[in-house]
């Protein structure tokens, strides 16, 4: 009886391990492994998870620690293409983009070029928002300064007018 219980335990354990393995081969699992390799500066591992040839000329910067925090959403799959919502958070940035994958030889692989384009588009959007915010803030400050200047000018003109009136009255 104990042998049957042990056999059942091992079968359940093997099924759990198999299902975990399937998750790591999912688009989100591959995306996470890819970005872990990039963060670890393991270019060979990153290349092995990317579409063939898309990272041939890529070198990883060993001085960059990569994102402080990585989060991955549920993949959107259409035929042999998948898009995994990816969120990187660092000290001075908060970037949302898509890690794009293609099915190659039955396996999901990161489309490095499409993913970099997604990152660039997200970065440009952030820069545009920052410039817009800075311009809005600058415009508001200029408006406040002009308003204050107009008030001061108004007070000065009132003072001059009173002075002129008092000079006319004394004549």
N, C-alpha and C. Protein backbone atom coordinates (compact mmCIF):
# COMPACT_ATOMS: atom_id res chain seq x y z
N UNK A 1 0.82 -1.19 0.00
CA UNK A 1 0.00 0.00 0.00
C UNK A 1 0.87 1.26 0.00
N UNK A 2 1.96 1.25 0.78
CA UNK A 2 2.87 2.39 0.85
C UNK A 2 3.51 2.65 -0.51
N UNK A 3 3.83 1.55 -1.24
CA UNK A 3 4.44 1.71 -2.56
C UNK A 3 3.48 2.39 -3.52
N UNK A 4 2.21 2.08 -3.43
CA UNK A 4 1.21 2.71 -4.30
C UNK A 4 1.08 4.19 -3.96
N UNK A 5 1.09 4.50 -2.66
CA UNK A 5 1.01 5.90 -2.23
C UNK A 5 2.23 6.66 -2.72
N UNK A 6 3.43 6.07 -2.60
CA UNK A 6 4.65 6.73 -3.09
C UNK A 6 4.61 6.93 -4.60
N UNK A 7 4.16 5.92 -5.33
CA UNK A 7 4.06 6.02 -6.78
C UNK A 7 3.09 7.14 -7.17
N UNK A 8 1.96 7.19 -6.47
CA UNK A 8 0.98 8.26 -6.73
C UNK A 8 1.61 9.63 -6.47
N UNK A 9 2.35 9.76 -5.37
CA UNK A 9 3.02 11.02 -5.03
C UNK A 9 3.99 11.43 -6.14
N UNK A 10 4.80 10.48 -6.61
CA UNK A 10 5.77 10.80 -7.66
C UNK A 10 5.09 11.17 -8.98
N UNK A 11 3.98 10.52 -9.29
CA UNK A 11 3.24 10.87 -10.50
C UNK A 11 2.68 12.30 -10.42
N UNK A 12 2.12 12.64 -9.26
CA UNK A 12 1.60 14.00 -9.07
C UNK A 12 2.74 15.01 -9.13
N UNK A 13 3.86 14.70 -8.48
CA UNK A 13 5.03 15.58 -8.47
C UNK A 13 5.55 15.79 -9.90
N UNK A 14 5.61 14.72 -10.69
CA UNK A 14 6.07 14.82 -12.08
C UNK A 14 5.11 15.67 -12.90
N UNK A 15 3.82 15.52 -12.66
CA UNK A 15 2.84 16.32 -13.39
C UNK A 15 2.99 17.80 -13.05
N UNK A 16 3.24 18.11 -11.78
CA UNK A 16 3.44 19.50 -11.37
C UNK A 16 4.69 20.07 -12.03
N UNK A 17 5.77 19.30 -12.04
CA UNK A 17 7.00 19.77 -12.67
C UNK A 17 6.81 19.99 -14.17
N UNK A 18 6.08 19.09 -14.81
CA UNK A 18 5.83 19.23 -16.24
C UNK A 18 5.02 20.48 -16.53
N UNK A 19 4.00 20.73 -15.73
CA UNK A 19 3.18 21.92 -15.97
C UNK A 19 3.99 23.19 -15.72
N UNK A 20 4.90 23.17 -14.74
CA UNK A 20 5.76 24.33 -14.50
C UNK A 20 6.68 24.56 -15.69
N UNK A 21 7.17 23.49 -16.27
CA UNK A 21 8.03 23.60 -17.44
C UNK A 21 7.30 24.21 -18.61
N UNK A 22 6.02 23.88 -18.77
CA UNK A 22 5.24 24.45 -19.85
C UNK A 22 5.09 25.96 -19.65
N UNK A 23 4.95 26.38 -18.41
CA UNK A 23 4.81 27.81 -18.16
C UNK A 23 6.08 28.56 -18.54
N UNK A 24 7.25 27.98 -18.30
CA UNK A 24 8.49 28.66 -18.63
C UNK A 24 8.68 28.74 -20.14
N UNK A 25 7.98 27.88 -20.90
CA UNK A 25 8.05 27.94 -22.36
C UNK A 25 6.93 28.78 -22.95
N UNK A 26 6.13 29.38 -22.09
CA UNK A 26 5.07 30.27 -22.54
C UNK A 26 5.71 31.59 -23.00
N UNK A 27 5.00 32.39 -23.76
CA UNK A 27 5.58 33.68 -24.16
C UNK A 27 6.03 34.53 -22.97
N UNK A 28 5.21 34.59 -21.91
CA UNK A 28 5.61 35.39 -20.74
C UNK A 28 6.82 34.77 -20.05
N UNK A 29 6.88 33.44 -19.99
CA UNK A 29 8.04 32.77 -19.39
C UNK A 29 9.31 33.02 -20.16
N UNK A 30 9.23 32.95 -21.49
CA UNK A 30 10.40 33.22 -22.34
C UNK A 30 10.81 34.68 -22.20
N UNK A 31 9.83 35.59 -22.19
CA UNK A 31 10.15 37.02 -22.03
C UNK A 31 10.89 37.25 -20.72
N UNK A 32 10.41 36.65 -19.65
CA UNK A 32 11.08 36.82 -18.35
C UNK A 32 12.49 36.26 -18.37
N UNK A 33 12.67 35.08 -18.95
CA UNK A 33 14.01 34.48 -19.04
C UNK A 33 14.94 35.37 -19.88
N UNK A 34 14.41 35.90 -20.97
CA UNK A 34 15.20 36.77 -21.84
C UNK A 34 15.69 38.00 -21.08
N UNK A 35 14.78 38.70 -20.38
CA UNK A 35 15.17 39.91 -19.67
C UNK A 35 16.05 39.60 -18.48
N UNK A 36 15.87 38.43 -17.86
CA UNK A 36 16.80 38.02 -16.79
C UNK A 36 18.21 37.86 -17.35
N UNK A 37 18.31 37.26 -18.55
CA UNK A 37 19.62 37.07 -19.18
C UNK A 37 20.24 38.42 -19.56
N UNK A 38 19.43 39.32 -20.09
CA UNK A 38 19.93 40.65 -20.44
C UNK A 38 20.44 41.36 -19.19
N UNK A 39 19.66 41.28 -18.12
CA UNK A 39 20.06 41.94 -16.87
C UNK A 39 21.34 41.33 -16.31
N UNK A 40 21.53 40.04 -16.52
CA UNK A 40 22.74 39.36 -16.03
C UNK A 40 23.91 39.51 -17.03
N UNK A 41 23.70 40.27 -18.12
CA UNK A 41 24.70 40.46 -19.17
C UNK A 41 25.12 39.15 -19.82
N UNK A 42 24.20 38.18 -19.86
CA UNK A 42 24.46 36.88 -20.47
C UNK A 42 23.96 36.92 -21.92
N UNK A 43 24.77 37.47 -22.80
CA UNK A 43 24.36 37.67 -24.18
C UNK A 43 24.08 36.35 -24.89
N UNK A 44 24.82 35.30 -24.56
CA UNK A 44 24.60 34.00 -25.21
C UNK A 44 23.23 33.44 -24.83
N UNK A 45 22.86 33.54 -23.57
CA UNK A 45 21.54 33.07 -23.12
C UNK A 45 20.45 33.91 -23.79
N UNK A 46 20.64 35.24 -23.82
CA UNK A 46 19.66 36.11 -24.46
C UNK A 46 19.51 35.75 -25.94
N UNK A 47 20.63 35.50 -26.63
CA UNK A 47 20.58 35.12 -28.05
C UNK A 47 19.84 33.81 -28.25
N UNK A 48 20.01 32.88 -27.30
CA UNK A 48 19.35 31.58 -27.43
C UNK A 48 17.84 31.69 -27.27
N UNK A 49 17.39 32.78 -26.66
CA UNK A 49 15.95 33.00 -26.45
C UNK A 49 15.35 33.95 -27.48
N UNK A 50 16.20 34.45 -28.39
CA UNK A 50 15.75 35.42 -29.39
C UNK A 50 15.60 34.76 -30.76
N UNK A 51 14.83 35.40 -31.62
CA UNK A 51 14.68 34.94 -32.99
C UNK A 51 16.08 34.92 -33.61
N UNK A 52 16.39 33.85 -34.32
CA UNK A 52 17.72 33.65 -34.91
C UNK A 52 18.16 34.87 -35.71
N UNK A 53 19.38 35.32 -35.44
CA UNK A 53 19.99 36.40 -36.20
C UNK A 53 19.66 37.80 -35.73
N UNK A 54 18.67 37.96 -34.85
CA UNK A 54 18.27 39.32 -34.47
C UNK A 54 19.19 39.95 -33.45
N UNK A 55 20.05 39.16 -32.82
CA UNK A 55 20.96 39.72 -31.81
C UNK A 55 22.42 39.47 -32.16
N UNK A 56 22.70 39.14 -33.42
CA UNK A 56 24.07 38.82 -33.80
C UNK A 56 25.06 39.92 -33.49
N UNK A 57 24.69 41.17 -33.65
CA UNK A 57 25.61 42.29 -33.44
C UNK A 57 25.37 43.01 -32.12
N UNK A 58 24.61 42.40 -31.24
CA UNK A 58 24.28 43.04 -29.97
C UNK A 58 25.33 42.71 -28.93
N UNK A 59 25.76 43.76 -28.22
CA UNK A 59 26.64 43.60 -27.06
C UNK A 59 25.89 44.17 -25.87
N UNK A 60 26.01 43.54 -24.74
CA UNK A 60 25.33 44.02 -23.54
C UNK A 60 26.31 44.85 -22.72
N UNK A 61 25.81 45.93 -22.18
CA UNK A 61 26.62 46.86 -21.39
C UNK A 61 26.75 46.32 -19.97
N UNK A 62 27.96 45.92 -19.61
CA UNK A 62 28.18 45.33 -18.29
C UNK A 62 28.07 46.33 -17.15
N UNK A 63 28.06 47.62 -17.48
CA UNK A 63 27.94 48.62 -16.42
C UNK A 63 26.49 48.92 -16.08
N UNK A 64 25.57 48.46 -16.92
CA UNK A 64 24.14 48.72 -16.70
C UNK A 64 23.55 47.59 -15.89
N UNK A 65 22.95 47.93 -14.75
CA UNK A 65 22.33 46.91 -13.90
C UNK A 65 20.95 46.52 -14.38
N UNK A 66 20.43 47.20 -15.39
CA UNK A 66 19.12 46.89 -15.91
C UNK A 66 18.03 47.42 -15.00
N UNK A 67 16.82 47.01 -15.26
CA UNK A 67 15.69 47.54 -14.49
C UNK A 67 15.74 47.08 -13.04
N UNK A 68 15.25 47.94 -12.15
CA UNK A 68 15.18 47.56 -10.75
C UNK A 68 14.11 46.52 -10.52
N UNK A 69 13.00 46.65 -11.25
CA UNK A 69 11.88 45.74 -11.09
C UNK A 69 11.31 45.43 -12.46
N UNK A 70 11.00 44.15 -12.70
CA UNK A 70 10.41 43.72 -13.97
C UNK A 70 9.08 43.05 -13.67
N UNK A 71 8.06 43.41 -14.44
CA UNK A 71 6.77 42.75 -14.32
C UNK A 71 6.28 42.40 -15.72
N UNK A 72 5.61 41.25 -15.82
CA UNK A 72 5.12 40.78 -17.11
C UNK A 72 3.64 40.47 -17.01
N UNK A 73 2.89 40.91 -18.02
CA UNK A 73 1.46 40.65 -18.06
C UNK A 73 1.16 39.39 -18.83
N UNK A 74 -0.11 39.16 -19.06
CA UNK A 74 -0.55 38.00 -19.84
C UNK A 74 -0.32 38.26 -21.32
N UNK A 75 0.20 37.26 -21.99
CA UNK A 75 0.51 37.40 -23.42
C UNK A 75 -0.76 37.46 -24.26
N UNK A 76 -0.70 38.28 -25.28
CA UNK A 76 -1.74 38.30 -26.31
C UNK A 76 -1.14 37.55 -27.48
N UNK A 77 -1.79 36.44 -27.86
CA UNK A 77 -1.25 35.57 -28.90
C UNK A 77 -2.15 35.64 -30.13
N UNK A 78 -1.52 35.86 -31.29
CA UNK A 78 -2.22 35.84 -32.58
C UNK A 78 -1.38 35.00 -33.54
N UNK A 79 -1.84 33.81 -33.82
CA UNK A 79 -1.13 32.87 -34.69
C UNK A 79 0.27 32.59 -34.12
N UNK A 80 1.31 32.98 -34.86
CA UNK A 80 2.69 32.70 -34.43
C UNK A 80 3.38 33.92 -33.86
N UNK A 81 2.61 34.91 -33.40
CA UNK A 81 3.17 36.11 -32.80
C UNK A 81 2.52 36.32 -31.43
N UNK A 82 3.31 36.75 -30.48
CA UNK A 82 2.79 37.05 -29.14
C UNK A 82 3.36 38.38 -28.68
N UNK A 83 2.58 39.06 -27.85
CA UNK A 83 2.99 40.33 -27.28
C UNK A 83 2.79 40.24 -25.77
N UNK A 84 3.87 40.41 -25.03
CA UNK A 84 3.81 40.32 -23.57
C UNK A 84 3.97 41.72 -22.99
N UNK A 85 2.92 42.25 -22.32
CA UNK A 85 3.07 43.55 -21.67
C UNK A 85 4.21 43.48 -20.65
N UNK A 86 5.15 44.41 -20.78
CA UNK A 86 6.35 44.40 -19.94
C UNK A 86 6.47 45.76 -19.25
N UNK A 87 6.76 45.71 -17.97
CA UNK A 87 6.86 46.95 -17.18
C UNK A 87 8.19 46.93 -16.43
N UNK A 88 9.03 47.90 -16.75
CA UNK A 88 10.32 48.06 -16.07
C UNK A 88 10.21 49.29 -15.18
N UNK A 89 10.68 49.17 -13.97
CA UNK A 89 10.72 50.30 -13.05
C UNK A 89 12.15 50.44 -12.54
N UNK A 90 12.66 51.66 -12.62
CA UNK A 90 14.00 51.95 -12.11
C UNK A 90 13.96 53.17 -11.22
N UNK A 91 15.12 53.65 -10.87
CA UNK A 91 15.22 54.81 -9.99
C UNK A 91 14.57 56.03 -10.62
N UNK A 92 14.83 56.25 -11.90
CA UNK A 92 14.31 57.46 -12.54
C UNK A 92 13.45 57.19 -13.77
N UNK A 93 12.87 55.99 -13.86
CA UNK A 93 12.00 55.71 -15.00
C UNK A 93 10.95 54.66 -14.64
N UNK A 94 9.91 54.67 -15.44
CA UNK A 94 8.79 53.74 -15.31
C UNK A 94 8.34 53.47 -16.74
N UNK A 95 8.75 52.34 -17.33
CA UNK A 95 8.57 52.10 -18.76
C UNK A 95 7.65 50.91 -19.01
N UNK A 96 6.61 51.15 -19.79
CA UNK A 96 5.68 50.10 -20.22
C UNK A 96 5.84 49.90 -21.72
N UNK A 97 6.12 48.68 -22.12
CA UNK A 97 6.27 48.37 -23.54
C UNK A 97 5.87 46.91 -23.76
N UNK A 98 6.02 46.43 -24.99
CA UNK A 98 5.69 45.04 -25.30
C UNK A 98 6.95 44.28 -25.65
N UNK A 99 7.12 43.12 -25.02
CA UNK A 99 8.13 42.18 -25.47
C UNK A 99 7.42 41.34 -26.54
N UNK A 100 7.93 41.42 -27.77
CA UNK A 100 7.29 40.76 -28.90
C UNK A 100 8.00 39.43 -29.16
N UNK A 101 7.22 38.39 -29.34
CA UNK A 101 7.78 37.06 -29.59
C UNK A 101 7.20 36.46 -30.86
N UNK A 102 7.98 35.58 -31.48
CA UNK A 102 7.53 34.81 -32.64
C UNK A 102 7.76 33.34 -32.35
N UNK A 103 6.88 32.51 -32.90
CA UNK A 103 7.08 31.08 -32.77
C UNK A 103 8.05 30.66 -33.88
N UNK A 104 9.18 30.08 -33.46
CA UNK A 104 10.23 29.68 -34.40
C UNK A 104 10.58 28.23 -34.10
N UNK A 105 10.35 27.37 -35.06
CA UNK A 105 10.64 25.94 -34.85
C UNK A 105 9.82 25.36 -33.70
N UNK A 106 8.61 25.85 -33.52
CA UNK A 106 7.74 25.34 -32.46
C UNK A 106 7.99 25.95 -31.08
N UNK A 107 8.99 26.83 -30.98
CA UNK A 107 9.32 27.45 -29.70
C UNK A 107 9.12 28.96 -29.79
N UNK A 108 8.71 29.56 -28.68
CA UNK A 108 8.59 31.01 -28.63
C UNK A 108 9.97 31.63 -28.49
N UNK A 109 10.24 32.66 -29.30
CA UNK A 109 11.51 33.38 -29.26
C UNK A 109 11.22 34.87 -29.29
N UNK A 110 12.03 35.64 -28.59
CA UNK A 110 11.87 37.10 -28.55
C UNK A 110 12.30 37.69 -29.89
N UNK A 111 11.40 38.48 -30.47
CA UNK A 111 11.74 39.24 -31.68
C UNK A 111 12.43 40.51 -31.19
N UNK A 112 13.76 40.44 -31.14
CA UNK A 112 14.55 41.52 -30.54
C UNK A 112 14.28 42.86 -31.22
N UNK A 113 14.24 42.88 -32.55
CA UNK A 113 14.05 44.15 -33.27
C UNK A 113 12.69 44.77 -32.97
N UNK A 114 11.63 43.96 -33.00
CA UNK A 114 10.29 44.48 -32.71
C UNK A 114 10.20 44.93 -31.26
N UNK A 115 10.86 44.21 -30.36
CA UNK A 115 10.83 44.58 -28.94
C UNK A 115 11.56 45.90 -28.71
N UNK A 116 12.72 46.07 -29.34
CA UNK A 116 13.47 47.32 -29.21
C UNK A 116 12.65 48.48 -29.78
N UNK A 117 11.97 48.26 -30.90
CA UNK A 117 11.10 49.31 -31.46
C UNK A 117 9.99 49.67 -30.48
N UNK A 118 9.44 48.68 -29.80
CA UNK A 118 8.40 48.95 -28.80
C UNK A 118 8.97 49.76 -27.64
N UNK A 119 10.20 49.43 -27.22
CA UNK A 119 10.85 50.17 -26.14
C UNK A 119 11.13 51.61 -26.56
N UNK A 120 11.58 51.80 -27.79
CA UNK A 120 11.88 53.14 -28.28
C UNK A 120 10.60 53.98 -28.33
N UNK A 121 9.53 53.38 -28.85
CA UNK A 121 8.26 54.11 -28.92
C UNK A 121 7.78 54.50 -27.52
N UNK A 122 7.90 53.59 -26.56
CA UNK A 122 7.49 53.88 -25.18
C UNK A 122 8.37 54.97 -24.57
N UNK A 123 9.67 54.92 -24.85
CA UNK A 123 10.60 55.94 -24.34
C UNK A 123 10.31 57.30 -24.94
N UNK A 124 10.04 57.34 -26.24
CA UNK A 124 9.71 58.61 -26.90
C UNK A 124 8.42 59.19 -26.34
N UNK A 125 7.46 58.33 -26.07
CA UNK A 125 6.20 58.79 -25.47
C UNK A 125 6.48 59.42 -24.11
N UNK A 126 7.30 58.76 -23.29
CA UNK A 126 7.65 59.31 -21.97
C UNK A 126 8.37 60.65 -22.11
N UNK A 127 9.31 60.73 -23.06
CA UNK A 127 10.03 62.00 -23.26
C UNK A 127 9.08 63.09 -23.71
N UNK A 128 8.17 62.77 -24.60
CA UNK A 128 7.18 63.74 -25.05
C UNK A 128 6.32 64.24 -23.91
N UNK A 129 5.89 63.32 -23.05
CA UNK A 129 5.09 63.71 -21.89
C UNK A 129 5.89 64.60 -20.94
N UNK A 130 7.17 64.27 -20.75
CA UNK A 130 8.02 65.07 -19.86
C UNK A 130 8.22 66.48 -20.44
N UNK A 131 8.45 66.56 -21.75
CA UNK A 131 8.63 67.87 -22.39
C UNK A 131 7.33 68.68 -22.30
N UNK A 132 6.22 68.01 -22.55
CA UNK A 132 4.92 68.69 -22.46
C UNK A 132 4.67 69.22 -21.05
N UNK A 133 4.96 68.38 -20.05
CA UNK A 133 4.79 68.81 -18.65
C UNK A 133 5.70 70.00 -18.33
N UNK A 134 6.94 69.93 -18.80
CA UNK A 134 7.89 71.02 -18.53
C UNK A 134 7.44 72.31 -19.21
N UNK A 135 6.95 72.19 -20.44
CA UNK A 135 6.48 73.39 -21.14
C UNK A 135 5.24 73.96 -20.45
N UNK A 136 4.35 73.08 -20.02
CA UNK A 136 3.15 73.55 -19.33
C UNK A 136 3.53 74.27 -18.04
N UNK A 137 4.46 73.67 -17.30
CA UNK A 137 4.92 74.28 -16.05
C UNK A 137 5.61 75.61 -16.33
N UNK A 138 6.44 75.64 -17.38
CA UNK A 138 7.13 76.88 -17.75
C UNK A 138 6.16 77.96 -18.17
N UNK A 139 5.17 77.57 -18.94
CA UNK A 139 4.15 78.53 -19.39
C UNK A 139 3.38 79.08 -18.20
N UNK A 140 3.04 78.22 -17.27
CA UNK A 140 2.33 78.67 -16.07
C UNK A 140 3.19 79.65 -15.27
N UNK A 141 4.48 79.36 -15.16
CA UNK A 141 5.39 80.25 -14.42
C UNK A 141 5.52 81.60 -15.13
N UNK A 142 5.63 81.57 -16.47
CA UNK A 142 5.71 82.82 -17.22
C UNK A 142 4.42 83.61 -17.03
N UNK A 143 3.28 82.91 -17.08
CA UNK A 143 1.99 83.57 -16.86
C UNK A 143 1.91 84.21 -15.48
N UNK A 144 2.37 83.51 -14.46
CA UNK A 144 2.38 84.06 -13.10
C UNK A 144 3.29 85.29 -13.03
N UNK A 145 4.46 85.21 -13.64
CA UNK A 145 5.40 86.34 -13.62
C UNK A 145 4.83 87.54 -14.36
N UNK A 146 4.20 87.30 -15.51
CA UNK A 146 3.59 88.41 -16.25
C UNK A 146 2.45 89.04 -15.46
N UNK A 147 1.66 88.19 -14.82
CA UNK A 147 0.54 88.69 -14.01
C UNK A 147 1.06 89.53 -12.85
N UNK A 148 2.09 89.05 -12.17
CA UNK A 148 2.68 89.79 -11.06
C UNK A 148 3.29 91.10 -11.56
N UNK A 149 3.96 91.04 -12.71
CA UNK A 149 4.55 92.25 -13.30
C UNK A 149 3.48 93.27 -13.65
N UNK A 150 2.35 92.80 -14.19
CA UNK A 150 1.25 93.71 -14.55
C UNK A 150 0.67 94.35 -13.30
N UNK A 151 0.53 93.58 -12.22
CA UNK A 151 0.04 94.15 -10.95
C UNK A 151 0.98 95.23 -10.43
N UNK A 152 2.26 94.93 -10.44
CA UNK A 152 3.25 95.90 -9.97
C UNK A 152 3.25 97.15 -10.85
N UNK A 153 3.13 96.96 -12.16
CA UNK A 153 3.06 98.09 -13.08
C UNK A 153 1.82 98.92 -12.79
N UNK A 154 0.70 98.23 -12.57
CA UNK A 154 -0.55 98.92 -12.24
C UNK A 154 -0.41 99.76 -10.98
N UNK A 155 0.22 99.21 -9.94
CA UNK A 155 0.44 99.95 -8.69
C UNK A 155 1.34 101.17 -8.94
N UNK A 156 2.38 100.96 -9.73
CA UNK A 156 3.30 102.06 -10.03
C UNK A 156 2.58 103.17 -10.79
N UNK A 157 1.76 102.80 -11.77
CA UNK A 157 1.02 103.79 -12.54
C UNK A 157 0.01 104.54 -11.66
N UNK A 158 -0.62 103.81 -10.73
CA UNK A 158 -1.54 104.46 -9.78
C UNK A 158 -0.80 105.50 -8.96
N UNK A 159 0.37 105.12 -8.49
CA UNK A 159 1.20 106.04 -7.70
C UNK A 159 1.59 107.26 -8.50
N UNK A 160 1.98 107.07 -9.75
CA UNK A 160 2.35 108.19 -10.62
C UNK A 160 1.15 109.09 -10.86
N UNK A 161 -0.01 108.45 -11.11
CA UNK A 161 -1.23 109.24 -11.35
C UNK A 161 -1.57 110.06 -10.13
N UNK A 162 -1.47 109.50 -8.94
CA UNK A 162 -1.75 110.24 -7.70
C UNK A 162 -0.77 111.38 -7.53
N UNK A 163 0.49 111.12 -7.84
CA UNK A 163 1.51 112.15 -7.72
C UNK A 163 1.24 113.31 -8.68
N UNK A 164 0.85 112.96 -9.91
CA UNK A 164 0.53 114.00 -10.90
C UNK A 164 -0.69 114.79 -10.46
N UNK A 165 -1.69 114.10 -9.91
CA UNK A 165 -2.89 114.78 -9.43
C UNK A 165 -2.54 115.73 -8.28
N UNK A 166 -1.69 115.28 -7.40
CA UNK A 166 -1.33 116.15 -6.25
C UNK A 166 -0.50 117.33 -6.72
N UNK A 167 0.33 117.17 -7.76
CA UNK A 167 1.10 118.29 -8.31
C UNK A 167 0.17 119.31 -8.98
N UNK A 168 -0.86 118.82 -9.70
CA UNK A 168 -1.83 119.71 -10.36
C UNK A 168 -2.64 120.46 -9.31
N UNK A 169 -2.99 119.80 -8.22
CA UNK A 169 -3.78 120.42 -7.16
C UNK A 169 -2.98 121.51 -6.46
N UNK A 170 -1.71 121.33 -6.34
CA UNK A 170 -0.88 122.31 -5.65
C UNK A 170 -0.59 123.52 -6.54
N UNK A 171 -0.79 123.40 -7.82
CA UNK A 171 -0.54 124.54 -8.72
C UNK A 171 -1.63 125.50 -8.64
